[in-house]
Amino acid sequence: MNYPLLANQMPERIKGVWRLTDIVSSLIALLLGGIVIIALTYFNWFNTIWYWIAVIYFSIIIVLTVFSLLLVPYRYKFNRFEINATELAFQEGYIFRKITFVPINRIQHIETEQGPFLRRAHLMEIVVTTAATSHHISGLDINDAQALRQQIVDFVKVAKEDV
């Protein structure tokens, strides 16, 4: 069965942001593991059981990092969105796929965010908040994000006037 893909896809630069985020997260986890090993060695508590725990910990971090980096192209392929006058649709997932539809009249507010990795890639994230949760469209070009935000605001104004 072919899974339907929504129309809008993020710029390809988001792949680099995702890779960089994965690498930095893994480096932090490896650094924390190293600090624990240094502390255990300092207090002479580093024995055979801690050695094997450390080997397993570092192996898991490395395997998860490689797995995550290999899945970036699939993540890119299936992270999409679509907007029309009545609803927003968010698609995500490459193994377990889902599409979330948010009625325009349920949107409470819209934010734009830009962390250091997105800023470096000249990208921005839109956060659409409803009463229940928040939905993210990450990795949009800055001008596209601002235009999309304004388009959503305009749709919300029209939907609120109709109620």
N, C-alpha and C. Protein backbone atom coordinates (compact mmCIF):
# COMPACT_ATOMS: atom_id res chain seq x y z
N MET A 1 0.84 -1.18 0.00
CA MET A 1 0.00 0.00 0.00
C MET A 1 0.88 1.24 0.00
N ASN A 2 0.58 2.15 -0.87
CA ASN A 2 1.32 3.41 -0.91
C ASN A 2 0.75 4.37 0.11
N TYR A 3 1.62 4.92 0.92
CA TYR A 3 1.20 5.88 1.93
C TYR A 3 1.14 7.25 1.29
N PRO A 4 0.03 7.98 1.45
CA PRO A 4 -0.05 9.30 0.81
C PRO A 4 0.91 10.30 1.46
N LEU A 5 1.59 11.05 0.63
CA LEU A 5 2.50 12.08 1.13
C LEU A 5 1.86 13.44 0.95
N LEU A 6 2.00 14.28 1.97
CA LEU A 6 1.48 15.64 1.89
C LEU A 6 2.34 16.46 0.94
N ALA A 7 1.85 17.61 0.54
CA ALA A 7 2.46 18.36 -0.55
C ALA A 7 3.77 19.07 -0.17
N ASN A 8 3.84 19.70 0.98
CA ASN A 8 4.96 20.57 1.30
C ASN A 8 6.06 19.84 2.07
N GLN A 9 7.27 20.04 1.61
CA GLN A 9 8.43 19.42 2.24
C GLN A 9 9.40 20.51 2.67
N MET A 10 10.19 20.23 3.70
CA MET A 10 11.15 21.20 4.20
C MET A 10 12.32 21.32 3.21
N PRO A 11 13.08 22.41 3.30
CA PRO A 11 14.28 22.51 2.47
C PRO A 11 15.29 21.42 2.84
N GLU A 12 16.11 21.02 1.89
CA GLU A 12 17.09 19.95 2.12
C GLU A 12 18.10 20.31 3.20
N ARG A 13 18.27 21.59 3.48
CA ARG A 13 19.23 22.00 4.52
C ARG A 13 18.87 21.47 5.90
N ILE A 14 17.61 21.09 6.10
CA ILE A 14 17.20 20.57 7.40
C ILE A 14 17.91 19.26 7.71
N LYS A 15 18.30 18.51 6.68
CA LYS A 15 19.03 17.26 6.91
C LYS A 15 20.33 17.52 7.66
N GLY A 16 21.03 18.57 7.28
CA GLY A 16 22.27 18.93 7.96
C GLY A 16 22.04 19.32 9.41
N VAL A 17 20.93 20.01 9.66
CA VAL A 17 20.58 20.40 11.04
C VAL A 17 20.29 19.15 11.86
N TRP A 18 19.53 18.22 11.30
CA TRP A 18 19.22 16.98 12.02
C TRP A 18 20.48 16.18 12.31
N ARG A 19 21.39 16.09 11.31
CA ARG A 19 22.64 15.36 11.54
C ARG A 19 23.46 16.01 12.64
N LEU A 20 23.58 17.33 12.57
CA LEU A 20 24.36 18.05 13.58
C LEU A 20 23.75 17.88 14.97
N THR A 21 22.44 17.93 15.06
CA THR A 21 21.76 17.73 16.35
C THR A 21 22.03 16.33 16.89
N ASP A 22 21.95 15.33 16.03
CA ASP A 22 22.23 13.96 16.46
C ASP A 22 23.66 13.81 16.94
N ILE A 23 24.60 14.39 16.22
CA ILE A 23 26.01 14.26 16.60
C ILE A 23 26.29 14.97 17.92
N VAL A 24 25.76 16.18 18.08
CA VAL A 24 25.98 16.92 19.33
C VAL A 24 25.35 16.19 20.51
N SER A 25 24.14 15.67 20.32
CA SER A 25 23.49 14.91 21.40
C SER A 25 24.31 13.69 21.78
N SER A 26 24.85 13.00 20.80
CA SER A 26 25.67 11.82 21.07
C SER A 26 26.97 12.20 21.76
N LEU A 27 27.58 13.29 21.35
CA LEU A 27 28.81 13.73 21.99
C LEU A 27 28.57 14.09 23.46
N ILE A 28 27.44 14.70 23.74
CA ILE A 28 27.10 15.02 25.13
C ILE A 28 26.93 13.74 25.94
N ALA A 29 26.23 12.75 25.37
CA ALA A 29 26.05 11.47 26.07
C ALA A 29 27.39 10.77 26.29
N LEU A 30 28.27 10.81 25.29
CA LEU A 30 29.59 10.20 25.44
C LEU A 30 30.42 10.94 26.49
N LEU A 31 30.32 12.26 26.51
CA LEU A 31 31.05 13.06 27.49
C LEU A 31 30.57 12.74 28.91
N LEU A 32 29.26 12.63 29.10
CA LEU A 32 28.72 12.28 30.42
C LEU A 32 29.20 10.90 30.85
N GLY A 33 29.21 9.95 29.92
CA GLY A 33 29.73 8.63 30.23
C GLY A 33 31.20 8.67 30.62
N GLY A 34 31.97 9.49 29.91
CA GLY A 34 33.38 9.64 30.24
C GLY A 34 33.58 10.25 31.62
N ILE A 35 32.76 11.21 31.98
CA ILE A 35 32.85 11.83 33.30
C ILE A 35 32.55 10.80 34.39
N VAL A 36 31.56 9.95 34.15
CA VAL A 36 31.24 8.91 35.14
C VAL A 36 32.41 7.95 35.29
N ILE A 37 33.04 7.57 34.18
CA ILE A 37 34.20 6.66 34.26
C ILE A 37 35.35 7.31 35.01
N ILE A 38 35.59 8.58 34.75
CA ILE A 38 36.66 9.29 35.47
C ILE A 38 36.36 9.34 36.96
N ALA A 39 35.10 9.62 37.31
CA ALA A 39 34.73 9.67 38.73
C ALA A 39 34.88 8.30 39.38
N LEU A 40 34.45 7.24 38.70
CA LEU A 40 34.59 5.90 39.25
C LEU A 40 36.06 5.51 39.42
N THR A 41 36.87 5.89 38.45
CA THR A 41 38.31 5.59 38.54
C THR A 41 38.94 6.37 39.68
N TYR A 42 38.56 7.62 39.84
CA TYR A 42 39.12 8.47 40.89
C TYR A 42 38.86 7.89 42.28
N PHE A 43 37.66 7.34 42.47
CA PHE A 43 37.30 6.77 43.77
C PHE A 43 37.61 5.27 43.86
N ASN A 44 38.34 4.74 42.87
CA ASN A 44 38.72 3.33 42.82
C ASN A 44 37.51 2.39 42.85
N TRP A 45 36.43 2.79 42.24
CA TRP A 45 35.24 1.96 42.16
C TRP A 45 35.10 1.31 40.79
N PHE A 46 36.00 1.64 39.88
CA PHE A 46 35.91 1.11 38.51
C PHE A 46 36.45 -0.31 38.51
N ASN A 47 35.53 -1.28 38.43
CA ASN A 47 35.92 -2.68 38.42
C ASN A 47 35.33 -3.36 37.19
N THR A 48 35.35 -4.66 37.16
CA THR A 48 34.92 -5.41 35.98
C THR A 48 33.47 -5.15 35.62
N ILE A 49 32.58 -5.10 36.58
CA ILE A 49 31.17 -4.86 36.28
C ILE A 49 30.97 -3.48 35.67
N TRP A 50 31.65 -2.46 36.21
CA TRP A 50 31.54 -1.11 35.66
C TRP A 50 32.17 -1.03 34.28
N TYR A 51 33.22 -1.82 34.06
CA TYR A 51 33.84 -1.86 32.73
C TYR A 51 32.83 -2.33 31.69
N TRP A 52 32.11 -3.42 31.98
CA TRP A 52 31.14 -3.95 31.02
C TRP A 52 29.93 -3.03 30.88
N ILE A 53 29.53 -2.40 31.95
CA ILE A 53 28.44 -1.42 31.85
C ILE A 53 28.86 -0.26 30.95
N ALA A 54 30.10 0.20 31.09
CA ALA A 54 30.60 1.29 30.25
C ALA A 54 30.68 0.85 28.79
N VAL A 55 31.17 -0.36 28.54
CA VAL A 55 31.25 -0.87 27.16
C VAL A 55 29.85 -0.91 26.54
N ILE A 56 28.88 -1.42 27.27
CA ILE A 56 27.51 -1.50 26.76
C ILE A 56 26.94 -0.10 26.53
N TYR A 57 27.16 0.80 27.48
CA TYR A 57 26.66 2.18 27.36
C TYR A 57 27.22 2.85 26.11
N PHE A 58 28.54 2.82 25.95
CA PHE A 58 29.16 3.49 24.81
C PHE A 58 28.77 2.80 23.50
N SER A 59 28.62 1.49 23.51
CA SER A 59 28.19 0.78 22.30
C SER A 59 26.78 1.19 21.89
N ILE A 60 25.90 1.28 22.86
CA ILE A 60 24.51 1.69 22.57
C ILE A 60 24.48 3.11 22.01
N ILE A 61 25.23 4.02 22.61
CA ILE A 61 25.26 5.41 22.11
C ILE A 61 25.76 5.45 20.68
N ILE A 62 26.82 4.72 20.38
CA ILE A 62 27.38 4.73 19.03
C ILE A 62 26.41 4.10 18.03
N VAL A 63 25.81 2.98 18.38
CA VAL A 63 24.86 2.32 17.48
C VAL A 63 23.65 3.22 17.23
N LEU A 64 23.11 3.83 18.27
CA LEU A 64 21.96 4.73 18.10
C LEU A 64 22.31 5.93 17.23
N THR A 65 23.51 6.45 17.40
CA THR A 65 23.94 7.60 16.58
C THR A 65 24.04 7.21 15.12
N VAL A 66 24.68 6.09 14.83
CA VAL A 66 24.81 5.63 13.45
C VAL A 66 23.43 5.36 12.86
N PHE A 67 22.56 4.70 13.61
CA PHE A 67 21.21 4.40 13.15
C PHE A 67 20.44 5.69 12.86
N SER A 68 20.55 6.65 13.76
CA SER A 68 19.86 7.92 13.60
C SER A 68 20.38 8.67 12.37
N LEU A 69 21.68 8.67 12.16
CA LEU A 69 22.26 9.36 11.01
C LEU A 69 21.87 8.68 9.70
N LEU A 70 21.76 7.37 9.71
CA LEU A 70 21.35 6.65 8.51
C LEU A 70 19.88 6.89 8.16
N LEU A 71 19.07 7.19 9.16
CA LEU A 71 17.64 7.40 8.92
C LEU A 71 17.27 8.84 8.55
N VAL A 72 18.24 9.74 8.51
CA VAL A 72 17.93 11.14 8.19
C VAL A 72 17.25 11.27 6.82
N PRO A 73 17.70 10.60 5.76
CA PRO A 73 17.00 10.74 4.48
C PRO A 73 15.55 10.28 4.53
N TYR A 74 15.27 9.22 5.28
CA TYR A 74 13.89 8.75 5.40
C TYR A 74 13.06 9.72 6.23
N ARG A 75 13.65 10.25 7.27
CA ARG A 75 12.96 11.24 8.09
C ARG A 75 12.59 12.44 7.23
N TYR A 76 13.52 12.86 6.38
CA TYR A 76 13.27 14.00 5.50
C TYR A 76 12.13 13.70 4.53
N LYS A 77 12.12 12.50 3.99
CA LYS A 77 11.11 12.15 3.00
C LYS A 77 9.70 12.19 3.57
N PHE A 78 9.54 11.83 4.86
CA PHE A 78 8.20 11.68 5.41
C PHE A 78 7.80 12.80 6.37
N ASN A 79 8.62 13.81 6.58
CA ASN A 79 8.22 14.97 7.39
C ASN A 79 7.71 16.05 6.45
N ARG A 80 6.42 16.20 6.41
CA ARG A 80 5.78 17.14 5.49
C ARG A 80 4.63 17.84 6.18
N PHE A 81 4.08 18.83 5.50
CA PHE A 81 2.93 19.55 6.03
C PHE A 81 2.09 20.06 4.88
N GLU A 82 0.88 20.44 5.21
CA GLU A 82 -0.03 21.00 4.23
C GLU A 82 -0.97 21.96 4.94
N ILE A 83 -1.35 23.01 4.28
CA ILE A 83 -2.26 23.99 4.88
C ILE A 83 -3.33 24.37 3.87
N ASN A 84 -4.55 24.51 4.37
CA ASN A 84 -5.62 25.08 3.56
C ASN A 84 -6.50 25.91 4.48
N ALA A 85 -7.58 26.41 3.97
CA ALA A 85 -8.41 27.35 4.74
C ALA A 85 -9.10 26.71 5.93
N THR A 86 -9.19 25.39 5.98
CA THR A 86 -9.92 24.75 7.09
C THR A 86 -9.04 23.98 8.05
N GLU A 87 -7.85 23.55 7.62
CA GLU A 87 -7.03 22.74 8.50
C GLU A 87 -5.55 22.76 8.12
N LEU A 88 -4.75 22.42 9.12
CA LEU A 88 -3.32 22.18 8.93
C LEU A 88 -3.10 20.68 9.05
N ALA A 89 -2.21 20.13 8.24
CA ALA A 89 -1.89 18.71 8.33
C ALA A 89 -0.39 18.57 8.53
N PHE A 90 0.00 17.75 9.50
CA PHE A 90 1.40 17.48 9.81
C PHE A 90 1.65 16.00 9.60
N GLN A 91 2.65 15.68 8.82
CA GLN A 91 3.00 14.29 8.58
C GLN A 91 4.40 14.04 9.11
N GLU A 92 4.57 12.93 9.82
CA GLU A 92 5.88 12.59 10.35
C GLU A 92 6.00 11.08 10.48
N GLY A 93 7.21 10.64 10.67
CA GLY A 93 7.48 9.22 10.88
C GLY A 93 7.95 8.53 9.63
N TYR A 94 8.96 7.70 9.78
CA TYR A 94 9.46 6.93 8.65
C TYR A 94 9.27 5.44 8.89
N ILE A 95 9.11 5.02 10.10
CA ILE A 95 8.78 3.63 10.38
C ILE A 95 7.30 3.56 10.76
N PHE A 96 6.93 4.31 11.78
CA PHE A 96 5.53 4.44 12.17
C PHE A 96 5.07 5.81 11.70
N ARG A 97 4.30 5.83 10.65
CA ARG A 97 3.90 7.09 10.03
C ARG A 97 2.56 7.56 10.56
N LYS A 98 2.43 8.89 10.66
CA LYS A 98 1.15 9.44 11.07
C LYS A 98 0.95 10.81 10.45
N ILE A 99 -0.31 11.13 10.24
CA ILE A 99 -0.71 12.46 9.77
C ILE A 99 -1.66 13.01 10.81
N THR A 100 -1.36 14.21 11.28
CA THR A 100 -2.21 14.89 12.26
C THR A 100 -2.88 16.07 11.58
N PHE A 101 -4.19 16.15 11.71
CA PHE A 101 -4.95 17.25 11.14
C PHE A 101 -5.41 18.17 12.28
N VAL A 102 -5.13 19.45 12.13
CA VAL A 102 -5.51 20.44 13.13
C VAL A 102 -6.47 21.43 12.48
N PRO A 103 -7.71 21.50 12.96
CA PRO A 103 -8.65 22.49 12.41
C PRO A 103 -8.14 23.92 12.67
N ILE A 104 -8.26 24.74 11.69
CA ILE A 104 -7.77 26.13 11.80
C ILE A 104 -8.44 26.85 12.97
N ASN A 105 -9.72 26.60 13.20
CA ASN A 105 -10.42 27.32 14.27
C ASN A 105 -10.00 26.86 15.67
N ARG A 106 -9.20 25.80 15.79
CA ARG A 106 -8.70 25.33 17.09
C ARG A 106 -7.34 25.92 17.45
N ILE A 107 -6.73 26.64 16.54
CA ILE A 107 -5.40 27.21 16.78
C ILE A 107 -5.52 28.39 17.73
N GLN A 108 -4.70 28.37 18.80
CA GLN A 108 -4.72 29.46 19.77
C GLN A 108 -3.65 30.50 19.48
N HIS A 109 -2.44 30.05 19.20
CA HIS A 109 -1.41 31.00 18.81
C HIS A 109 -0.31 30.30 18.02
N ILE A 110 0.51 31.11 17.36
CA ILE A 110 1.58 30.62 16.49
C ILE A 110 2.87 31.32 16.90
N GLU A 111 3.93 30.54 17.02
CA GLU A 111 5.24 31.09 17.37
C GLU A 111 6.24 30.71 16.28
N THR A 112 7.26 31.52 16.16
CA THR A 112 8.40 31.14 15.34
C THR A 112 9.59 31.00 16.27
N GLU A 113 10.38 29.95 16.04
CA GLU A 113 11.55 29.69 16.86
C GLU A 113 12.75 29.45 15.96
N GLN A 114 13.93 29.72 16.52
CA GLN A 114 15.15 29.51 15.75
C GLN A 114 16.30 29.28 16.72
N GLY A 115 16.71 28.03 16.83
CA GLY A 115 17.86 27.70 17.66
C GLY A 115 19.15 27.95 16.91
N PRO A 116 20.29 27.69 17.54
CA PRO A 116 21.57 27.98 16.89
C PRO A 116 21.82 27.18 15.62
N PHE A 117 21.39 25.92 15.58
CA PHE A 117 21.62 25.11 14.38
C PHE A 117 20.72 25.55 13.24
N LEU A 118 19.47 25.88 13.55
CA LEU A 118 18.57 26.41 12.51
C LEU A 118 19.06 27.77 12.02
N ARG A 119 19.51 28.60 12.94
CA ARG A 119 20.00 29.92 12.55
C ARG A 119 21.20 29.80 11.62
N ARG A 120 22.08 28.86 11.92
CA ARG A 120 23.28 28.64 11.10
C ARG A 120 22.91 28.22 9.68
N ALA A 121 21.80 27.46 9.55
CA ALA A 121 21.35 26.99 8.25
C ALA A 121 20.34 27.95 7.60
N HIS A 122 20.09 29.10 8.23
CA HIS A 122 19.12 30.09 7.75
C HIS A 122 17.73 29.48 7.63
N LEU A 123 17.34 28.75 8.69
CA LEU A 123 16.04 28.12 8.74
C LEU A 123 15.30 28.57 9.99
N MET A 124 14.01 28.29 10.03
CA MET A 124 13.18 28.68 11.16
C MET A 124 12.13 27.60 11.41
N GLU A 125 11.59 27.59 12.62
CA GLU A 125 10.56 26.63 12.99
C GLU A 125 9.29 27.38 13.38
N ILE A 126 8.16 26.85 12.94
CA ILE A 126 6.87 27.40 13.33
C ILE A 126 6.24 26.44 14.33
N VAL A 127 5.73 26.99 15.43
CA VAL A 127 5.06 26.19 16.45
C VAL A 127 3.60 26.64 16.49
N VAL A 128 2.70 25.71 16.17
CA VAL A 128 1.26 25.98 16.16
C VAL A 128 0.69 25.35 17.43
N THR A 129 0.09 26.18 18.28
CA THR A 129 -0.42 25.70 19.57
C THR A 129 -1.93 25.67 19.58
N THR A 130 -2.46 24.53 20.03
CA THR A 130 -3.89 24.39 20.26
C THR A 130 -4.10 24.21 21.76
N ALA A 131 -5.33 24.02 22.19
CA ALA A 131 -5.58 23.82 23.61
C ALA A 131 -4.96 22.51 24.10
N ALA A 132 -4.85 21.53 23.24
CA ALA A 132 -4.36 20.22 23.64
C ALA A 132 -2.84 20.09 23.57
N THR A 133 -2.22 20.62 22.52
CA THR A 133 -0.78 20.37 22.31
C THR A 133 -0.19 21.40 21.36
N SER A 134 1.07 21.21 21.05
CA SER A 134 1.77 22.05 20.09
C SER A 134 2.24 21.19 18.92
N HIS A 135 2.25 21.77 17.75
CA HIS A 135 2.71 21.09 16.54
C HIS A 135 3.82 21.92 15.93
N HIS A 136 4.86 21.26 15.44
CA HIS A 136 6.04 21.95 14.93
C HIS A 136 6.21 21.70 13.44
N ILE A 137 6.51 22.76 12.72
CA ILE A 137 6.97 22.67 11.34
C ILE A 137 8.39 23.21 11.37
N SER A 138 9.33 22.30 11.37
CA SER A 138 10.72 22.69 11.56
C SER A 138 11.45 22.74 10.22
N GLY A 139 12.37 23.66 10.10
CA GLY A 139 13.25 23.71 8.95
C GLY A 139 12.71 24.44 7.75
N LEU A 140 11.97 25.49 7.96
CA LEU A 140 11.48 26.30 6.85
C LEU A 140 12.44 27.45 6.59
N ASP A 141 12.53 27.86 5.34
CA ASP A 141 13.29 29.07 5.04
C ASP A 141 12.67 30.22 5.83
N ILE A 142 13.49 31.17 6.22
CA ILE A 142 13.01 32.25 7.09
C ILE A 142 11.85 33.01 6.44
N ASN A 143 12.00 33.38 5.18
CA ASN A 143 10.91 34.11 4.51
C ASN A 143 9.67 33.25 4.34
N ASP A 144 9.87 31.97 4.02
CA ASP A 144 8.74 31.06 3.89
C ASP A 144 8.02 30.87 5.23
N ALA A 145 8.79 30.79 6.31
CA ALA A 145 8.20 30.62 7.64
C ALA A 145 7.36 31.83 8.02
N GLN A 146 7.87 33.02 7.75
CA GLN A 146 7.11 34.22 8.08
C GLN A 146 5.86 34.34 7.21
N ALA A 147 5.97 33.98 5.94
CA ALA A 147 4.80 34.02 5.05
C ALA A 147 3.77 32.97 5.46
N LEU A 148 4.24 31.77 5.82
CA LEU A 148 3.34 30.72 6.26
C LEU A 148 2.65 31.10 7.57
N ARG A 149 3.39 31.69 8.47
CA ARG A 149 2.82 32.16 9.74
C ARG A 149 1.71 33.16 9.47
N GLN A 150 1.97 34.12 8.59
CA GLN A 150 0.96 35.14 8.27
C GLN A 150 -0.25 34.51 7.59
N GLN A 151 -0.02 33.51 6.73
CA GLN A 151 -1.12 32.84 6.06
C GLN A 151 -1.99 32.11 7.09
N ILE A 152 -1.37 31.44 8.05
CA ILE A 152 -2.13 30.75 9.10
C ILE A 152 -2.91 31.75 9.94
N VAL A 153 -2.28 32.87 10.29
CA VAL A 153 -2.97 33.91 11.07
C VAL A 153 -4.19 34.42 10.30
N ASP A 154 -4.03 34.63 9.02
CA ASP A 154 -5.16 35.10 8.20
C ASP A 154 -6.28 34.06 8.16
N PHE A 155 -5.92 32.78 8.01
CA PHE A 155 -6.92 31.72 8.01
C PHE A 155 -7.64 31.65 9.36
N VAL A 156 -6.90 31.84 10.45
CA VAL A 156 -7.51 31.79 11.78
C VAL A 156 -8.48 32.95 11.96
N LYS A 157 -8.09 34.14 11.50
CA LYS A 157 -8.98 35.30 11.61
C LYS A 157 -10.30 35.05 10.87
N VAL A 158 -10.20 34.50 9.67
CA VAL A 158 -11.41 34.22 8.89
C VAL A 158 -12.25 33.15 9.59
N ALA A 159 -11.60 32.11 10.11
CA ALA A 159 -12.33 31.03 10.79
C ALA A 159 -13.01 31.53 12.06
N LYS A 160 -12.35 32.42 12.81
CA LYS A 160 -12.94 32.95 14.05
C LYS A 160 -14.11 33.87 13.75
N GLU A 161 -14.05 34.58 12.60
CA GLU A 161 -15.15 35.47 12.22
C GLU A 161 -16.39 34.68 11.82
N ASP A 162 -16.16 33.48 11.25
CA ASP A 162 -17.27 32.65 10.80
C ASP A 162 -18.03 32.01 11.95
N VAL A 163 -17.42 31.90 13.11
CA VAL A 163 -18.04 31.21 14.25
C VAL A 163 -19.06 32.05 14.93
